Structures are given as structure tokens and as C-alpha cells.
Protein backbone atom coordinates (compact mmCIF):
# COMPACT_ATOMS: atom_id res chain seq x y z
CA MET A 1 225.28 53.41 -75.05
CA ASN A 2 229.01 52.93 -74.80
CA ARG A 3 231.05 54.97 -77.24
CA ILE A 4 234.44 53.83 -78.44
CA PRO A 5 237.07 56.54 -78.92
CA ASN A 6 238.63 56.50 -82.38
CA PRO A 7 242.28 55.49 -81.76
CA ALA A 8 243.22 56.76 -85.23
CA GLN A 9 241.91 60.27 -84.48
CA PRO A 10 244.26 62.19 -82.17
CA HIS A 11 242.80 64.30 -79.37
CA ALA A 12 242.65 67.93 -80.48
CA SER A 13 242.95 71.19 -78.56
CA LEU A 14 242.04 74.13 -80.79
CA ALA A 15 242.02 77.84 -79.96
CA THR A 16 238.94 79.76 -81.07
CA THR A 17 239.19 83.31 -82.38
CA GLY A 18 237.06 86.43 -82.80
CA THR A 19 236.19 85.25 -86.31
CA ALA A 20 233.69 82.44 -86.84
CA GLN A 21 235.47 79.33 -88.13
CA LEU A 22 234.85 75.71 -89.03
CA LEU A 23 236.87 73.10 -87.14
CA THR A 24 238.85 72.37 -90.32
CA ALA A 25 239.82 76.06 -90.58
CA MET A 26 241.18 75.77 -87.02
CA GLY A 27 243.35 72.84 -88.09
CA TYR A 28 241.16 69.87 -87.24
CA VAL A 29 241.45 66.91 -89.63
CA PHE A 30 238.53 64.48 -89.56
CA HIS A 31 239.47 60.80 -89.72
CA ALA A 32 237.33 58.80 -92.17
CA ASN A 33 236.00 56.52 -89.39
CA THR A 34 234.98 59.30 -87.00
CA ASP A 35 231.24 59.09 -86.32
CA ASN A 36 230.81 61.84 -83.73
CA CYS A 37 232.82 64.28 -81.66
CA LEU A 38 232.63 65.35 -78.05
CA ILE A 39 233.61 69.03 -77.90
CA GLN A 40 234.31 70.87 -74.64
CA ALA A 41 234.96 74.61 -74.21
CA VAL A 42 237.83 75.27 -71.78
CA GLY A 43 239.16 78.67 -70.70
CA GLY A 44 236.21 80.81 -71.78
CA ASN A 45 232.83 80.84 -73.48
CA VAL A 46 232.26 79.91 -77.12
CA ARG A 47 229.28 80.47 -79.42
CA MET A 48 228.47 78.04 -82.22
CA THR A 49 225.98 77.47 -85.03
CA LEU A 50 225.11 74.35 -86.96
CA ASN A 51 223.10 75.83 -89.84
CA GLY A 52 225.90 77.34 -91.92
CA ASN A 53 225.44 80.85 -90.56
CA ASN A 54 228.23 82.51 -88.62
CA PRO A 55 227.73 82.90 -84.88
CA THR A 56 228.62 86.18 -83.18
CA THR A 57 229.88 86.85 -79.67
CA SER A 58 226.24 87.15 -78.56
CA LEU A 59 224.30 84.92 -81.02
CA GLY A 60 224.48 81.17 -81.41
CA ILE A 61 224.49 78.20 -79.09
CA LEU A 62 226.48 79.03 -75.97
CA LEU A 63 229.15 76.58 -74.87
CA ALA A 64 230.00 77.98 -71.46
CA ASP A 65 233.46 77.34 -70.06
CA GLY A 66 233.60 73.69 -68.99
CA THR A 67 230.51 72.53 -70.87
CA SER A 68 230.51 70.02 -73.69
CA ILE A 69 228.35 68.96 -76.61
CA LEU A 70 228.23 65.77 -78.67
CA LEU A 71 227.96 66.39 -82.41
CA ASP A 72 227.57 63.81 -85.15
CA ASN A 73 230.03 63.90 -88.04
CA ILE A 74 227.89 66.11 -90.28
CA GLU A 75 227.13 68.57 -87.48
CA ALA A 76 230.80 68.74 -86.47
CA ARG A 77 231.88 69.40 -90.07
CA ASN A 78 229.31 72.22 -90.45
CA ALA A 79 229.61 73.79 -87.00
CA ARG A 80 231.10 77.26 -86.80
CA PHE A 81 232.71 78.54 -83.60
CA ILE A 82 233.66 81.97 -82.28
CA THR A 83 235.14 83.21 -79.00
CA ALA A 84 232.42 84.77 -76.84
CA SER A 85 234.63 85.60 -73.82
CA GLY A 86 237.96 84.67 -72.32
CA THR A 87 240.56 82.66 -74.25
CA PRO A 88 238.77 79.38 -74.90
CA ARG A 89 240.08 76.24 -76.50
CA LEU A 90 237.97 73.44 -77.90
CA GLU A 91 238.98 70.04 -76.56
CA ILE A 92 237.81 67.39 -79.01
CA VAL A 93 237.50 63.61 -78.68
CA ALA A 94 236.36 61.60 -81.72
CA TYR A 95 234.36 58.38 -81.53
CA LEU A 96 233.83 55.41 -83.82
CA PRO A 97 230.36 54.40 -85.06
């Protein structure tokens, strides 16, 4: 399956913090045509949840430094992220349907 990057959705590089946050709280603005997002942790480890609960530094899905995950639009809007170690940033690329 070939994905097409959304040219109307700028690439984002967002710093995570020690408090669990949604992408929108970190400054990400979802474009109406974005179908899914590729998110990569860079510079440290990140924990995330998709069920509305807050992750902690030791609980939640681990995005180790350099790893990525593809989330659909609903998952990306509901995902919460927290710094687990280091000074990670989330690098985000949005794709069209």
C-alpha cells in the first residue's frame, strides 16, 4: 500500500514533557484531510496510550528512541504521550486517505 503524504499538513516536530499530553496540547493541528500519522520518537523514549488514560514514565506503549508507529486519525487524536527518558521529540508525517 502506497501512502500519499498530505501536502497541506506541515511536518511537525513536537517536544514531549513529563506530563501526559495529547498531540493538540503539544501544538499539533490536524488538517481535515489527514487520514493517518506516522510518529517517530527521536532523542529519547516516549510512552503512549490510546485508550484515554494517561501514560506514565513506566506504563504505556513504549516508543523507543528511533522507533515509529502509524496511527489512524482517531488514534492520533486520542493518543497521549509522556517523556519516558531523554529529551525526545515526536516527528510527525501526515498522510491522505
